[in-house]
């Protein structure tokens, strides 16, 4: 899943994946995918879901990057700067 858009909203939530998984998804979908360092998966598995937990604080501060279908880095603005295909041409 790349993004989630709720009916009536003019914005969506984009998903970010660990780099290895992002590369797999980019190759399979032939699209750029947002990514974070693989080491951040340890924070994603943490059971403490409070906003103040050390794991969540580290995730909030981590750099979000992107990968293209060949696995090469791509600027985040290239990925986030475009709206999803299904919403193109629709009135917002």
C-alpha atoms as a PDB file:
ATOM      1  CA  UNK A   1       0.000   0.000   0.000  1.00  0.00           C
ATOM      2  CA  UNK A   2       1.434   3.348  -1.004  1.00  0.00           C
ATOM      3  CA  UNK A   3      -1.114   5.794   0.382  1.00  0.00           C
ATOM      4  CA  UNK A   4      -4.493   5.921   2.077  1.00  0.00           C
ATOM      5  CA  UNK A   5      -7.100   8.536   1.181  1.00  0.00           C
ATOM      6  CA  UNK A   6     -10.352   8.813   3.118  1.00  0.00           C
ATOM      7  CA  UNK A   7     -13.493   9.887   1.224  1.00  0.00           C
ATOM      8  CA  UNK A   8     -13.960  13.653   1.295  1.00  0.00           C
ATOM      9  CA  UNK A   9     -10.418  14.428   2.476  1.00  0.00           C
ATOM     10  CA  UNK A  10      -8.114  16.551   0.343  1.00  0.00           C
ATOM     11  CA  UNK A  11      -5.008  14.863   1.772  1.00  0.00           C
ATOM     12  CA  UNK A  12      -3.807  11.327   2.290  1.00  0.00           C
ATOM     13  CA  UNK A  13      -1.486   9.306   4.472  1.00  0.00           C
ATOM     14  CA  UNK A  14       1.609   7.933   2.727  1.00  0.00           C
ATOM     15  CA  UNK A  15       3.314   4.802   3.966  1.00  0.00           C
ATOM     16  CA  UNK A  16       7.057   4.567   4.591  1.00  0.00           C
ATOM     17  CA  UNK A  17       8.858   1.226   4.444  1.00  0.00           C
ATOM     18  CA  UNK A  18      12.274  -0.041   5.596  1.00  0.00           C
ATOM     19  CA  UNK A  19      14.693   0.348   2.687  1.00  0.00           C
ATOM     20  CA  UNK A  20      14.963  -3.347   1.778  1.00  0.00           C
ATOM     21  CA  UNK A  21      11.173  -3.686   1.630  1.00  0.00           C
ATOM     22  CA  UNK A  22      10.839  -0.367  -0.218  1.00  0.00           C
ATOM     23  CA  UNK A  23      13.210  -1.599  -2.930  1.00  0.00           C
ATOM     24  CA  UNK A  24      11.157  -4.794  -3.326  1.00  0.00           C
ATOM     25  CA  UNK A  25       7.925  -2.811  -3.600  1.00  0.00           C
ATOM     26  CA  UNK A  26       9.420  -0.285  -6.037  1.00  0.00           C
ATOM     27  CA  UNK A  27      10.647  -3.071  -8.322  1.00  0.00           C
ATOM     28  CA  UNK A  28       7.316  -4.887  -8.199  1.00  0.00           C
ATOM     29  CA  UNK A  29       5.146  -1.787  -8.718  1.00  0.00           C
ATOM     30  CA  UNK A  30       7.503   0.119 -11.076  1.00  0.00           C
ATOM     31  CA  UNK A  31       6.986   3.197  -8.872  1.00  0.00           C
ATOM     32  CA  UNK A  32       9.076   5.184  -6.411  1.00  0.00           C
ATOM     33  CA  UNK A  33       8.549   4.245  -2.745  1.00  0.00           C
ATOM     34  CA  UNK A  34       9.269   6.157   0.480  1.00  0.00           C
ATOM     35  CA  UNK A  35      11.821   4.507   2.747  1.00  0.00           C
ATOM     36  CA  UNK A  36      13.660   4.710   6.055  1.00  0.00           C
ATOM     37  CA  UNK A  37      16.834   2.993   7.235  1.00  0.00           C
ATOM     38  CA  UNK A  38      16.437  -0.750   7.827  1.00  0.00           C
ATOM     39  CA  UNK A  39      17.619  -0.312  11.420  1.00  0.00           C
ATOM     40  CA  UNK A  40      14.385   1.526  12.231  1.00  0.00           C
ATOM     41  CA  UNK A  41      12.432  -1.758  12.105  1.00  0.00           C
ATOM     42  CA  UNK A  42      13.477  -2.396  15.699  1.00  0.00           C
ATOM     43  CA  UNK A  43      11.533   0.733  16.683  1.00  0.00           C
ATOM     44  CA  UNK A  44       8.501  -0.327  14.654  1.00  0.00           C
ATOM     45  CA  UNK A  45       8.351  -3.628  16.560  1.00  0.00           C
ATOM     46  CA  UNK A  46       8.449  -1.929  19.986  1.00  0.00           C
ATOM     47  CA  UNK A  47       5.356  -2.699  22.048  1.00  0.00           C
ATOM     48  CA  UNK A  48       5.309   0.734  23.743  1.00  0.00           C
ATOM     49  CA  UNK A  49       2.919   2.745  21.559  1.00  0.00           C
ATOM     50  CA  UNK A  50       2.967   5.957  23.624  1.00  0.00           C
ATOM     51  CA  UNK A  51       4.041   9.131  21.815  1.00  0.00           C
ATOM     52  CA  UNK A  52       6.801   9.677  24.375  1.00  0.00           C
ATOM     53  CA  UNK A  53       8.412   6.248  24.017  1.00  0.00           C
ATOM     54  CA  UNK A  54      12.056   6.250  22.957  1.00  0.00           C
ATOM     55  CA  UNK A  55      11.231   4.156  19.885  1.00  0.00           C
ATOM     56  CA  UNK A  56       8.554   6.550  18.656  1.00  0.00           C
ATOM     57  CA  UNK A  57      10.774   9.550  19.312  1.00  0.00           C
ATOM     58  CA  UNK A  58      13.554   7.970  17.235  1.00  0.00           C
ATOM     59  CA  UNK A  59      11.124   7.145  14.405  1.00  0.00           C
ATOM     60  CA  UNK A  60       9.832  10.718  14.363  1.00  0.00           C
ATOM     61  CA  UNK A  61      13.381  12.034  13.953  1.00  0.00           C
ATOM     62  CA  UNK A  62      14.578   9.563  11.317  1.00  0.00           C
ATOM     63  CA  UNK A  63      15.229  10.757   7.785  1.00  0.00           C
ATOM     64  CA  UNK A  64      12.686   9.700   5.179  1.00  0.00           C
ATOM     65  CA  UNK A  65      14.176   9.006   1.772  1.00  0.00           C
ATOM     66  CA  UNK A  66      12.965   7.198  -1.307  1.00  0.00           C
ATOM     67  CA  UNK A  67      13.971   4.556  -3.819  1.00  0.00           C
ATOM     68  CA  UNK A  68      13.133   4.101  -7.483  1.00  0.00           C
ATOM     69  CA  UNK A  69      12.361   0.773  -9.204  1.00  0.00           C
ATOM     70  CA  UNK A  70      16.073   0.130  -9.806  1.00  0.00           C
ATOM     71  CA  UNK A  71      16.765   0.531  -6.062  1.00  0.00           C
ATOM     72  CA  UNK A  72      18.558   3.859  -6.491  1.00  0.00           C
ATOM     73  CA  UNK A  73      17.868   6.767  -4.122  1.00  0.00           C
ATOM     74  CA  UNK A  74      15.330   9.368  -5.218  1.00  0.00           C
ATOM     75  CA  UNK A  75      14.390  12.679  -3.623  1.00  0.00           C
ATOM     76  CA  UNK A  76      11.311  12.575  -1.421  1.00  0.00           C
ATOM     77  CA  UNK A  77       9.769  15.534  -3.242  1.00  0.00           C
ATOM     78  CA  UNK A  78       9.639  13.407  -6.416  1.00  0.00           C
ATOM     79  CA  UNK A  79       7.486  10.838  -4.602  1.00  0.00           C
ATOM     80  CA  UNK A  80       5.331  13.055  -2.390  1.00  0.00           C
ATOM     81  CA  UNK A  81       4.974  15.922  -4.866  1.00  0.00           C
ATOM     82  CA  UNK A  82       2.466  14.137  -7.083  1.00  0.00           C
ATOM     83  CA  UNK A  83      -1.091  13.097  -6.343  1.00  0.00           C
ATOM     84  CA  UNK A  84      -2.224   9.495  -6.781  1.00  0.00           C
ATOM     85  CA  UNK A  85      -3.374   8.419 -10.242  1.00  0.00           C
ATOM     86  CA  UNK A  86      -6.910   7.701  -9.075  1.00  0.00           C
ATOM     87  CA  UNK A  87      -7.394  11.334  -7.968  1.00  0.00           C
ATOM     88  CA  UNK A  88      -5.997  13.037 -11.064  1.00  0.00           C
ATOM     89  CA  UNK A  89      -8.528  15.194 -12.834  1.00  0.00           C
ATOM     90  CA  UNK A  90     -11.128  14.917 -10.078  1.00  0.00           C
ATOM     91  CA  UNK A  91     -12.534  18.006  -8.406  1.00  0.00           C
ATOM     92  CA  UNK A  92     -11.335  18.376  -4.851  1.00  0.00           C
END
